[in-house]
C-alpha atoms as a PDB file:
ATOM      1  CA  MET A   1       2.916  -2.607   0.758  1.00  0.00           C
ATOM      2  CA  LYS A   2       0.041  -3.597   3.017  1.00  0.00           C
ATOM      3  CA  LEU A   3      -2.344  -6.516   2.595  1.00  0.00           C
ATOM      4  CA  ILE A   4      -5.749  -5.415   1.304  1.00  0.00           C
ATOM      5  CA  HIS A   5      -8.830  -7.355   2.334  1.00  0.00           C
ATOM      6  CA  LYS A   6     -11.328  -6.920  -0.470  1.00  0.00           C
ATOM      7  CA  GLY A   7     -14.800  -5.938   0.691  1.00  0.00           C
ATOM      8  CA  THR A   8     -18.205  -5.703  -0.948  1.00  0.00           C
ATOM      9  CA  GLU A   9     -18.353  -4.078  -4.341  1.00  0.00           C
ATOM     10  CA  PRO A  10     -20.622  -1.052  -4.897  1.00  0.00           C
ATOM     11  CA  ALA A  11     -24.176  -1.955  -5.859  1.00  0.00           C
ATOM     12  CA  SER A  12     -23.911   0.341  -8.883  1.00  0.00           C
ATOM     13  CA  LEU A  13     -21.012  -1.698 -10.264  1.00  0.00           C
ATOM     14  CA  ARG A  14     -22.773  -5.018  -9.682  1.00  0.00           C
ATOM     15  CA  GLU A  15     -25.927  -3.766 -11.368  1.00  0.00           C
ATOM     16  CA  TYR A  16     -24.072  -2.216 -14.307  1.00  0.00           C
ATOM     17  CA  ARG A  17     -22.080  -5.397 -14.906  1.00  0.00           C
ATOM     18  CA  SER A  18     -25.331  -7.306 -15.509  1.00  0.00           C
ATOM     19  CA  ASP A  19     -25.669  -5.419 -18.806  1.00  0.00           C
ATOM     20  CA  PRO A  20     -24.209  -7.730 -21.499  1.00  0.00           C
ATOM     21  CA  PHE A  21     -22.764  -4.682 -23.281  1.00  0.00           C
ATOM     22  CA  ALA A  22     -21.182  -3.188 -20.166  1.00  0.00           C
ATOM     23  CA  THR A  23     -17.683  -1.752 -20.465  1.00  0.00           C
ATOM     24  CA  TYR A  24     -15.431  -0.152 -17.866  1.00  0.00           C
ATOM     25  CA  ASP A  25     -15.406   3.155 -19.746  1.00  0.00           C
ATOM     26  CA  GLY A  26     -19.188   3.071 -19.831  1.00  0.00           C
ATOM     27  CA  TYR A  27     -19.517   2.716 -16.069  1.00  0.00           C
ATOM     28  CA  ALA A  28     -20.531   6.201 -14.961  1.00  0.00           C
ATOM     29  CA  ALA A  29     -20.645   5.784 -11.163  1.00  0.00           C
ATOM     30  CA  LYS A  30     -16.885   5.710 -10.624  1.00  0.00           C
ATOM     31  CA  ASP A  31     -17.230   7.896  -7.526  1.00  0.00           C
ATOM     32  CA  ASP A  32     -18.951   4.895  -5.884  1.00  0.00           C
ATOM     33  CA  LEU A  33     -15.979   2.761  -6.828  1.00  0.00           C
ATOM     34  CA  ARG A  34     -13.398   5.233  -5.533  1.00  0.00           C
ATOM     35  CA  ALA A  35     -15.234   5.541  -2.236  1.00  0.00           C
ATOM     36  CA  ALA A  36     -15.394   1.760  -1.760  1.00  0.00           C
ATOM     37  CA  LEU A  37     -11.723   1.248  -2.614  1.00  0.00           C
ATOM     38  CA  ALA A  38     -10.501   4.084  -0.385  1.00  0.00           C
ATOM     39  CA  GLU A  39     -12.591   2.821   2.526  1.00  0.00           C
ATOM     40  CA  GLU A  40     -11.415  -0.792   2.359  1.00  0.00           C
ATOM     41  CA  GLN A  41      -7.779   0.302   2.042  1.00  0.00           C
ATOM     42  CA  GLY A  42      -7.932   2.735   4.939  1.00  0.00           C
ATOM     43  CA  ALA A  43      -7.298   5.660   2.570  1.00  0.00           C
ATOM     44  CA  ILE A  44      -3.763   4.597   1.624  1.00  0.00           C
ATOM     45  CA  CYS A  45      -2.381   3.706  -1.801  1.00  0.00           C
ATOM     46  CA  CYS A  46      -2.399   0.009  -2.681  1.00  0.00           C
ATOM     47  CA  TYR A  47       1.296   0.138  -3.574  1.00  0.00           C
ATOM     48  CA  CYS A  48       3.251   2.909  -1.817  1.00  0.00           C
ATOM     49  CA  MET A  49       0.875   3.447   1.166  1.00  0.00           C
ATOM     50  CA  SER A  50       0.724   7.218   0.766  1.00  0.00           C
ATOM     51  CA  ARG A  51      -2.560   8.953   1.539  1.00  0.00           C
ATOM     52  CA  ILE A  52      -5.382   8.800  -1.013  1.00  0.00           C
ATOM     53  CA  SER A  53      -8.828  10.401  -0.935  1.00  0.00           C
ATOM     54  CA  PRO A  54     -12.010   9.225  -2.685  1.00  0.00           C
ATOM     55  CA  GLY A  55     -12.212  11.660  -5.572  1.00  0.00           C
ATOM     56  CA  ALA A  56     -10.864  11.886  -9.103  1.00  0.00           C
ATOM     57  CA  ASP A  57      -8.226  14.369  -7.906  1.00  0.00           C
ATOM     58  CA  GLY A  58      -7.223  12.262  -4.903  1.00  0.00           C
ATOM     59  CA  MET A  59      -6.699   8.773  -6.315  1.00  0.00           C
ATOM     60  CA  LYS A  60      -6.747   6.513  -9.345  1.00  0.00           C
ATOM     61  CA  ILE A  61      -8.686   3.311  -9.951  1.00  0.00           C
ATOM     62  CA  GLU A  62      -6.023   0.708 -10.635  1.00  0.00           C
ATOM     63  CA  HIS A  63      -6.576  -2.588 -12.448  1.00  0.00           C
ATOM     64  CA  TRP A  64      -3.991  -5.027 -11.083  1.00  0.00           C
ATOM     65  CA  ALA A  65      -4.208  -6.991 -14.337  1.00  0.00           C
ATOM     66  CA  ALA A  66      -4.178  -4.178 -16.885  1.00  0.00           C
ATOM     67  CA  GLN A  67      -7.184  -3.875 -19.160  1.00  0.00           C
ATOM     68  CA  SER A  68      -4.910  -3.878 -22.203  1.00  0.00           C
ATOM     69  CA  THR A  69      -3.743  -7.437 -21.478  1.00  0.00           C
ATOM     70  CA  VAL A  70      -5.540 -10.654 -22.394  1.00  0.00           C
ATOM     71  CA  GLU A  71      -6.018 -11.526 -18.714  1.00  0.00           C
ATOM     72  CA  GLY A  72      -7.094  -8.037 -17.712  1.00  0.00           C
ATOM     73  CA  GLU A  73      -9.549  -7.537 -20.559  1.00  0.00           C
ATOM     74  CA  GLY A  74     -11.865 -10.115 -19.019  1.00  0.00           C
ATOM     75  CA  LEU A  75     -11.470  -8.546 -15.572  1.00  0.00           C
ATOM     76  CA  ALA A  76     -12.144  -4.945 -16.536  1.00  0.00           C
ATOM     77  CA  LEU A  77     -15.329  -4.851 -14.424  1.00  0.00           C
ATOM     78  CA  ALA A  78     -14.228  -7.345 -11.753  1.00  0.00           C
ATOM     79  CA  TYR A  79     -14.056  -5.649  -8.366  1.00  0.00           C
ATOM     80  CA  SER A  80     -11.466  -8.223  -7.255  1.00  0.00           C
ATOM     81  CA  ASN A  81      -9.110  -6.781  -9.879  1.00  0.00           C
ATOM     82  CA  MET A  82      -9.573  -3.161  -8.777  1.00  0.00           C
ATOM     83  CA  LEU A  83      -7.443  -1.207  -6.311  1.00  0.00           C
ATOM     84  CA  GLY A  84      -7.115   2.377  -5.176  1.00  0.00           C
ATOM     85  CA  ALA A  85      -3.791   3.949  -6.145  1.00  0.00           C
ATOM     86  CA  CYS A  86      -2.263   7.364  -5.571  1.00  0.00           C
ATOM     87  CA  LYS A  87      -1.712   9.722  -8.483  1.00  0.00           C
ATOM     88  CA  GLY A  88       1.900   8.545  -8.596  1.00  0.00           C
ATOM     89  CA  GLY A  89       3.524  11.788  -9.699  1.00  0.00           C
ATOM     90  CA  GLU A  90       1.349  12.243 -12.778  1.00  0.00           C
ATOM     91  CA  GLY A  91       2.811  14.920 -15.010  1.00  0.00           C
ATOM     92  CA  ASN A  92       6.305  14.615 -13.528  1.00  0.00           C
ATOM     93  CA  ARG A  93       9.366  13.224 -15.236  1.00  0.00           C
ATOM     94  CA  ARG A  94       9.325   9.458 -15.766  1.00  0.00           C
ATOM     95  CA  GLU A  95      11.957   8.830 -13.071  1.00  0.00           C
ATOM     96  CA  GLU A  96       9.783  10.659 -10.502  1.00  0.00           C
ATOM     97  CA  GLN A  97       6.616   8.695 -11.302  1.00  0.00           C
ATOM     98  CA  HIS A  98       5.597   5.635  -9.298  1.00  0.00           C
ATOM     99  CA  CYS A  99       2.798   3.147  -8.579  1.00  0.00           C
ATOM    100  CA  ASP A 100       0.159   2.755 -11.305  1.00  0.00           C
ATOM    101  CA  THR A 101       1.344   5.862 -13.154  1.00  0.00           C
ATOM    102  CA  HIS A 102       4.770   4.292 -13.647  1.00  0.00           C
ATOM    103  CA  LYS A 103       3.491   0.709 -14.025  1.00  0.00           C
ATOM    104  CA  GLY A 104       1.169   1.374 -16.940  1.00  0.00           C
ATOM    105  CA  SER A 105       0.131  -1.938 -18.478  1.00  0.00           C
ATOM    106  CA  ASP A 106       3.158  -3.888 -17.209  1.00  0.00           C
ATOM    107  CA  GLY A 107       2.403  -7.039 -15.236  1.00  0.00           C
ATOM    108  CA  LEU A 108       3.241  -7.634 -11.582  1.00  0.00           C
ATOM    109  CA  THR A 109       4.147 -10.706  -9.564  1.00  0.00           C
ATOM    110  CA  ILE A 110       3.158  -9.148  -6.249  1.00  0.00           C
ATOM    111  CA  ASN A 111      -0.540  -8.599  -5.563  1.00  0.00           C
ATOM    112  CA  PRO A 112      -1.639  -6.454  -2.589  1.00  0.00           C
ATOM    113  CA  THR A 113      -4.731  -8.639  -2.122  1.00  0.00           C
ATOM    114  CA  HIS A 114      -2.726 -11.870  -1.753  1.00  0.00           C
ATOM    115  CA  PRO A 115      -2.093 -12.979   1.866  1.00  0.00           C
ATOM    116  CA  SER A 116       1.653 -13.290   1.233  1.00  0.00           C
ATOM    117  CA  CYS A 117       2.139  -9.797  -0.211  1.00  0.00           C
ATOM    118  CA  GLU A 118       3.843  -8.392   2.903  1.00  0.00           C
ATOM    119  CA  GLN A 119       6.286 -11.283   3.250  1.00  0.00           C
ATOM    120  CA  GLY A 120       9.871 -10.747   2.195  1.00  0.00           C
ATOM    121  CA  ILE A 121       9.575  -6.981   1.798  1.00  0.00           C
ATOM    122  CA  LYS A 122      12.238  -5.052   3.679  1.00  0.00           C
ATOM    123  CA  TYR A 123      12.575  -1.364   4.542  1.00  0.00           C
ATOM    124  CA  SER A 124      15.988   0.113   5.254  1.00  0.00           C
ATOM    125  CA  ARG A 125      16.671   2.803   7.846  1.00  0.00           C
ATOM    126  CA  ALA A 126      17.206   5.172   4.902  1.00  0.00           C
ATOM    127  CA  GLY A 127      13.669   4.470   3.678  1.00  0.00           C
ATOM    128  CA  GLU A 128      14.438   2.126   0.788  1.00  0.00           C
ATOM    129  CA  ILE A 129      12.120  -0.749  -0.070  1.00  0.00           C
ATOM    130  CA  ALA A 130      13.434  -4.071  -1.417  1.00  0.00           C
ATOM    131  CA  SER A 131      12.865  -7.821  -1.557  1.00  0.00           C
ATOM    132  CA  LEU A 132      15.238 -10.796  -1.702  1.00  0.00           C
ATOM    133  CA  ASP A 133      12.909 -12.364  -4.291  1.00  0.00           C
ATOM    134  CA  PRO A 134      14.244 -10.973  -7.600  1.00  0.00           C
ATOM    135  CA  ARG A 135      10.779 -10.967  -9.204  1.00  0.00           C
ATOM    136  CA  ILE A 136       9.246  -9.004  -6.335  1.00  0.00           C
ATOM    137  CA  ASN A 137      12.245  -6.702  -6.183  1.00  0.00           C
ATOM    138  CA  ARG A 138      11.789  -5.911  -9.867  1.00  0.00           C
ATOM    139  CA  ASP A 139       8.115  -5.138  -9.205  1.00  0.00           C
ATOM    140  CA  LEU A 140       8.970  -2.793  -6.347  1.00  0.00           C
ATOM    141  CA  CYS A 141      12.028  -1.035  -7.697  1.00  0.00           C
ATOM    142  CA  GLU A 142      11.466  -1.024 -11.459  1.00  0.00           C
ATOM    143  CA  THR A 143       7.839  -1.565 -12.454  1.00  0.00           C
ATOM    144  CA  LEU A 144       6.319   0.433  -9.569  1.00  0.00           C
ATOM    145  CA  ASN A 145       9.422   2.595  -8.999  1.00  0.00           C
ATOM    146  CA  LEU A 146       8.841   2.770  -5.253  1.00  0.00           C
ATOM    147  CA  ASN A 147      12.288   4.147  -4.426  1.00  0.00           C
ATOM    148  CA  THR A 148      11.814   7.655  -5.749  1.00  0.00           C
ATOM    149  CA  SER A 149      13.470  10.262  -3.543  1.00  0.00           C
ATOM    150  CA  ARG A 150      10.089  11.513  -2.286  1.00  0.00           C
ATOM    151  CA  LEU A 151       8.922   8.048  -1.213  1.00  0.00           C
ATOM    152  CA  ARG A 152      12.276   7.217   0.413  1.00  0.00           C
ATOM    153  CA  ASN A 153      12.167  10.476   2.345  1.00  0.00           C
ATOM    154  CA  ASN A 154       8.583   9.860   3.445  1.00  0.00           C
ATOM    155  CA  ARG A 155       9.403   6.366   4.715  1.00  0.00           C
ATOM    156  CA  LYS A 156      12.502   7.625   6.505  1.00  0.00           C
ATOM    157  CA  ALA A 157      10.406  10.359   8.141  1.00  0.00           C
ATOM    158  CA  VAL A 158       8.016   7.701   9.466  1.00  0.00           C
ATOM    159  CA  LEU A 159      10.912   5.765  11.002  1.00  0.00           C
ATOM    160  CA  ASP A 160      12.424   8.937  12.483  1.00  0.00           C
ATOM    161  CA  ALA A 161       9.080   9.874  14.032  1.00  0.00           C
ATOM    162  CA  LEU A 162       8.614   6.322  15.334  1.00  0.00           C
ATOM    163  CA  ILE A 163      11.965   6.326  17.117  1.00  0.00           C
ATOM    164  CA  GLU A 164      11.441   9.819  18.505  1.00  0.00           C
ATOM    165  CA  GLY A 165       7.957   8.964  19.743  1.00  0.00           C
ATOM    166  CA  ILE A 166       9.017   5.789  21.553  1.00  0.00           C
ATOM    167  CA  SER A 167      12.054   7.526  23.003  1.00  0.00           C
ATOM    168  CA  ARG A 168       9.844  10.213  24.536  1.00  0.00           C
ATOM    169  CA  LYS A 169       7.834   7.472  26.252  1.00  0.00           C
ATOM    170  CA  SER A 170      10.663   5.227  27.403  1.00  0.00           C
ATOM    171  CA  GLY A 171      14.106   6.709  26.936  1.00  0.00           C
ATOM    172  CA  GLY A 172      16.725   5.055  24.732  1.00  0.00           C
ATOM    173  CA  PRO A 173      16.363   1.779  22.794  1.00  0.00           C
ATOM    174  CA  ASP A 174      17.935  -0.255  25.618  1.00  0.00           C
ATOM    175  CA  THR A 175      14.897   0.495  27.768  1.00  0.00           C
ATOM    176  CA  TRP A 176      12.288  -0.472  25.172  1.00  0.00           C
ATOM    177  CA  THR A 177      10.423  -3.601  26.246  1.00  0.00           C
ATOM    178  CA  ARG A 178       8.514  -6.005  24.030  1.00  0.00           C
ATOM    179  CA  ALA A 179       5.318  -4.971  25.811  1.00  0.00           C
ATOM    180  CA  LEU A 180       5.913  -1.339  24.876  1.00  0.00           C
ATOM    181  CA  LEU A 181       6.739  -2.253  21.285  1.00  0.00           C
ATOM    182  CA  ARG A 182       3.627  -4.441  20.992  1.00  0.00           C
ATOM    183  CA  LYS A 183       1.525  -1.460  22.041  1.00  0.00           C
ATOM    184  CA  GLU A 184       3.117   0.489  19.217  1.00  0.00           C
ATOM    185  CA  VAL A 185       2.339  -2.371  16.827  1.00  0.00           C
ATOM    186  CA  ALA A 186      -1.324  -2.209  17.833  1.00  0.00           C
ATOM    187  CA  ARG A 187      -1.347   1.534  17.287  1.00  0.00           C
ATOM    188  CA  TRP A 188       0.147   1.296  13.804  1.00  0.00           C
ATOM    189  CA  GLN A 189      -2.169  -1.567  12.851  1.00  0.00           C
ATOM    190  CA  SER A 190      -5.271   0.372  13.874  1.00  0.00           C
ATOM    191  CA  ARG A 191      -7.258   2.932  11.933  1.00  0.00           C
ATOM    192  CA  SER A 192      -8.209   6.429  13.025  1.00  0.00           C
ATOM    193  CA  ASP A 193     -11.530   7.619  11.600  1.00  0.00           C
ATOM    194  CA  GLY A 194     -11.316   4.657   9.220  1.00  0.00           C
ATOM    195  CA  LYS A 195      -7.867   5.606   7.944  1.00  0.00           C
ATOM    196  CA  HIS A 196      -4.553   3.785   8.252  1.00  0.00           C
ATOM    197  CA  HIS A 197      -1.413   5.743   9.040  1.00  0.00           C
ATOM    198  CA  PRO A 198       0.374   6.532   5.749  1.00  0.00           C
ATOM    199  CA  PHE A 199       3.361   4.189   5.254  1.00  0.00           C
ATOM    200  CA  CYS A 200       2.180   2.169   8.260  1.00  0.00           C
ATOM    201  CA  GLN A 201       3.855  -1.037   7.122  1.00  0.00           C
ATOM    202  CA  VAL A 202       7.264   0.662   7.314  1.00  0.00           C
ATOM    203  CA  ALA A 203       6.794   1.255  11.043  1.00  0.00           C
ATOM    204  CA  LEU A 204       5.343  -2.232  11.590  1.00  0.00           C
ATOM    205  CA  TYR A 205       8.311  -3.856   9.851  1.00  0.00           C
ATOM    206  CA  GLN A 206      10.791  -2.061  12.118  1.00  0.00           C
ATOM    207  CA  LEU A 207       8.757  -2.729  15.262  1.00  0.00           C
ATOM    208  CA  GLU A 208       8.634  -6.452  14.531  1.00  0.00           C
ATOM    209  CA  ARG A 209      12.403  -6.485  14.025  1.00  0.00           C
ATOM    210  CA  TRP A 210      12.938  -4.851  17.415  1.00  0.00           C
ATOM    211  CA  ILE A 211      10.554  -7.318  19.075  1.00  0.00           C
ATOM    212  CA  ARG A 212      12.337 -10.316  17.529  1.00  0.00           C
ATOM    213  CA  ALA A 213      15.743  -8.963  18.574  1.00  0.00           C
ATOM    214  CA  ARG A 214      14.611  -8.663  22.189  1.00  0.00           C
ATOM    215  CA  ALA A 215      13.114 -12.139  22.123  1.00  0.00           C
ATOM    216  CA  ASP A 216      16.434 -13.535  20.842  1.00  0.00           C
ATOM    217  CA  ARG A 217      18.197 -11.864  23.764  1.00  0.00           C
ATOM    218  CA  HIS A 218      15.479 -13.067  26.175  1.00  0.00           C
ATOM    219  CA  GLN A 219      14.617  -9.492  27.092  1.00  0.00           C
ATOM    220  CA  PRO A 220      11.157  -8.694  28.509  1.00  0.00           C
END
């Protein structure tokens, strides 16, 4: 999960919300909303970080506090409560669904727009996501179901490609310097044509671990 910095809401949403009888279902310009959410998130899902695209077939508009809840009902048209999510395996078996599709109206502790959302999340070499905080771990593994086989394989593929790419530049891990790893951090933090790398936080987590390990051993 990657921290999302909320930007400016679409003018069409702001104008529509001024109608005292406005409802989310009645808001017709949802393409404006999808475009704004995809742009501010760098075209990755708010939960699993897979690629999304700004169209009804390429993403979902997620309400962090579900509209069916007491809290979410009052936030149905609040841009701060809206996120861009992937389709999450819509139409597949329940165990293969993830993100908003699996979450439904269940509540979450973790919020991708909160500055602390990246803290305490770990990614294993096999591509599993977890947290030592039992509430967050339940969010990740049960409510959002982020350890489906497809997502695990995608995260593992990112780590495999990361290791292979650095090795081509600088040989084996013993030769990797903190300077080299920091360059990789900058690359994975950046956007290309406005888009983040899918599953970018997986690579950043591993890179930071390698940097800390070299600092502990007083390596350059």
